[in-house]
């Protein structure tokens, strides 16, 4: 897309990261975006965020799959063994 307006104009909010930009700033203090890298108003219509609500649980399941339940059992067994070893060492130390 070609931008017709080449005159730098500082937006109120950075269209790249959404943070506030001080008046007459040459770049966004948060992400460093500037007129050349992406805040021309003719080129950018705003933040590129999804329209729908974000469901973190669905995202994690989609990215990483379902969690393995065998590891949970392994940690319980490890905890019981360690507690048993601790109790045995304390009982032997008492004698």
C-alpha atoms as a PDB file:
ATOM      1  CA  UNK A   1       0.000   0.000   0.000  1.00  0.00           C
ATOM      2  CA  UNK A   2       1.399   3.409  -0.928  1.00  0.00           C
ATOM      3  CA  UNK A   3       1.036   6.252   1.529  1.00  0.00           C
ATOM      4  CA  UNK A   4       0.356   9.673   0.095  1.00  0.00           C
ATOM      5  CA  UNK A   5       0.993  11.653   3.266  1.00  0.00           C
ATOM      6  CA  UNK A   6       4.748  11.713   3.901  1.00  0.00           C
ATOM      7  CA  UNK A   7       4.657  14.487   6.513  1.00  0.00           C
ATOM      8  CA  UNK A   8       5.448  13.044   9.968  1.00  0.00           C
ATOM      9  CA  UNK A   9       2.568  13.518  12.379  1.00  0.00           C
ATOM     10  CA  UNK A  10       2.748  12.112  15.896  1.00  0.00           C
ATOM     11  CA  UNK A  11      -0.320  10.073  16.903  1.00  0.00           C
ATOM     12  CA  UNK A  12      -1.753  10.243  20.433  1.00  0.00           C
ATOM     13  CA  UNK A  13      -1.374   6.474  20.853  1.00  0.00           C
ATOM     14  CA  UNK A  14       1.162   4.281  19.095  1.00  0.00           C
ATOM     15  CA  UNK A  15      -0.636   2.109  16.502  1.00  0.00           C
ATOM     16  CA  UNK A  16       1.996  -0.598  16.981  1.00  0.00           C
ATOM     17  CA  UNK A  17       1.947  -1.129  20.782  1.00  0.00           C
ATOM     18  CA  UNK A  18      -0.955   1.075  21.927  1.00  0.00           C
ATOM     19  CA  UNK A  19       1.041   3.147  24.439  1.00  0.00           C
ATOM     20  CA  UNK A  20       0.639   6.915  24.666  1.00  0.00           C
ATOM     21  CA  UNK A  21       3.061   8.966  22.571  1.00  0.00           C
ATOM     22  CA  UNK A  22       4.146  12.432  23.784  1.00  0.00           C
ATOM     23  CA  UNK A  23       3.262  15.328  21.452  1.00  0.00           C
ATOM     24  CA  UNK A  24       5.889  16.001  18.752  1.00  0.00           C
ATOM     25  CA  UNK A  25       7.805  12.816  19.674  1.00  0.00           C
ATOM     26  CA  UNK A  26       9.934  11.355  16.912  1.00  0.00           C
ATOM     27  CA  UNK A  27       9.322   7.765  18.040  1.00  0.00           C
ATOM     28  CA  UNK A  28       7.227   5.768  20.494  1.00  0.00           C
ATOM     29  CA  UNK A  29       9.051   5.666  23.840  1.00  0.00           C
ATOM     30  CA  UNK A  30       7.755   2.137  24.510  1.00  0.00           C
ATOM     31  CA  UNK A  31       8.393   0.180  21.293  1.00  0.00           C
ATOM     32  CA  UNK A  32      10.438   2.571  19.149  1.00  0.00           C
ATOM     33  CA  UNK A  33       7.986   2.724  16.246  1.00  0.00           C
ATOM     34  CA  UNK A  34       8.250   5.916  14.219  1.00  0.00           C
ATOM     35  CA  UNK A  35       6.909   7.490  11.038  1.00  0.00           C
ATOM     36  CA  UNK A  36       9.099   5.314   8.830  1.00  0.00           C
ATOM     37  CA  UNK A  37       8.439   2.044  10.657  1.00  0.00           C
ATOM     38  CA  UNK A  38       4.697   2.097  10.949  1.00  0.00           C
ATOM     39  CA  UNK A  39       2.641   4.878  12.426  1.00  0.00           C
ATOM     40  CA  UNK A  40       1.613   6.649   9.229  1.00  0.00           C
ATOM     41  CA  UNK A  41      -2.123   7.099   9.630  1.00  0.00           C
ATOM     42  CA  UNK A  42      -2.800   6.330   5.969  1.00  0.00           C
ATOM     43  CA  UNK A  43      -1.101   2.931   6.330  1.00  0.00           C
ATOM     44  CA  UNK A  44      -2.136   1.770   9.796  1.00  0.00           C
ATOM     45  CA  UNK A  45      -5.716   1.547  10.944  1.00  0.00           C
ATOM     46  CA  UNK A  46      -4.916   0.730  14.557  1.00  0.00           C
ATOM     47  CA  UNK A  47      -3.746  -2.146  16.676  1.00  0.00           C
ATOM     48  CA  UNK A  48      -3.861  -5.545  15.057  1.00  0.00           C
ATOM     49  CA  UNK A  49      -5.803  -7.298  17.819  1.00  0.00           C
ATOM     50  CA  UNK A  50      -8.320 -10.088  17.352  1.00  0.00           C
ATOM     51  CA  UNK A  51     -11.944  -9.034  17.436  1.00  0.00           C
ATOM     52  CA  UNK A  52     -13.197 -11.958  19.528  1.00  0.00           C
ATOM     53  CA  UNK A  53     -12.601 -12.479  23.234  1.00  0.00           C
ATOM     54  CA  UNK A  54      -9.355 -14.281  23.992  1.00  0.00           C
ATOM     55  CA  UNK A  55      -9.729 -17.614  25.782  1.00  0.00           C
ATOM     56  CA  UNK A  56      -6.400 -18.488  27.400  1.00  0.00           C
ATOM     57  CA  UNK A  57      -7.366 -22.089  28.135  1.00  0.00           C
ATOM     58  CA  UNK A  58      -8.221 -22.747  24.489  1.00  0.00           C
ATOM     59  CA  UNK A  59      -4.987 -21.061  23.395  1.00  0.00           C
ATOM     60  CA  UNK A  60      -2.855 -23.231  25.711  1.00  0.00           C
ATOM     61  CA  UNK A  61      -4.623 -26.417  24.612  1.00  0.00           C
ATOM     62  CA  UNK A  62      -4.225 -25.479  20.941  1.00  0.00           C
ATOM     63  CA  UNK A  63      -0.532 -24.587  21.314  1.00  0.00           C
ATOM     64  CA  UNK A  64       0.606 -27.323  23.703  1.00  0.00           C
ATOM     65  CA  UNK A  65      -2.074 -30.013  23.503  1.00  0.00           C
ATOM     66  CA  UNK A  66      -3.701 -31.639  26.497  1.00  0.00           C
ATOM     67  CA  UNK A  67      -1.651 -32.069  29.646  1.00  0.00           C
ATOM     68  CA  UNK A  68      -0.236 -35.453  30.504  1.00  0.00           C
ATOM     69  CA  UNK A  69      -1.784 -36.790  33.715  1.00  0.00           C
ATOM     70  CA  UNK A  70       0.986 -39.351  34.336  1.00  0.00           C
ATOM     71  CA  UNK A  71       3.362 -36.638  35.499  1.00  0.00           C
ATOM     72  CA  UNK A  72       0.949 -35.599  38.231  1.00  0.00           C
ATOM     73  CA  UNK A  73       0.987 -39.151  39.619  1.00  0.00           C
ATOM     74  CA  UNK A  74       4.782 -39.257  39.390  1.00  0.00           C
ATOM     75  CA  UNK A  75       5.080 -36.104  41.523  1.00  0.00           C
ATOM     76  CA  UNK A  76       2.769 -37.571  44.187  1.00  0.00           C
ATOM     77  CA  UNK A  77       4.834 -40.757  44.352  1.00  0.00           C
ATOM     78  CA  UNK A  78       8.061 -38.718  44.559  1.00  0.00           C
ATOM     79  CA  UNK A  79       6.645 -36.597  47.396  1.00  0.00           C
ATOM     80  CA  UNK A  80       5.528 -39.654  49.385  1.00  0.00           C
ATOM     81  CA  UNK A  81       8.928 -41.359  48.940  1.00  0.00           C
ATOM     82  CA  UNK A  82      10.802 -38.210  49.998  1.00  0.00           C
ATOM     83  CA  UNK A  83       8.581 -37.700  53.049  1.00  0.00           C
ATOM     84  CA  UNK A  84       9.068 -41.370  53.994  1.00  0.00           C
ATOM     85  CA  UNK A  85      12.854 -41.017  53.646  1.00  0.00           C
ATOM     86  CA  UNK A  86      12.781 -37.849  55.770  1.00  0.00           C
ATOM     87  CA  UNK A  87      10.708 -39.530  58.464  1.00  0.00           C
ATOM     88  CA  UNK A  88      13.019 -42.563  58.474  1.00  0.00           C
ATOM     89  CA  UNK A  89      16.145 -40.408  58.762  1.00  0.00           C
ATOM     90  CA  UNK A  90      14.615 -38.415  61.628  1.00  0.00           C
ATOM     91  CA  UNK A  91      13.605 -41.630  63.403  1.00  0.00           C
ATOM     92  CA  UNK A  92      17.122 -43.079  63.039  1.00  0.00           C
ATOM     93  CA  UNK A  93      18.692 -39.820  64.201  1.00  0.00           C
ATOM     94  CA  UNK A  94      16.639 -39.952  67.402  1.00  0.00           C
ATOM     95  CA  UNK A  95      18.267 -43.233  68.460  1.00  0.00           C
END
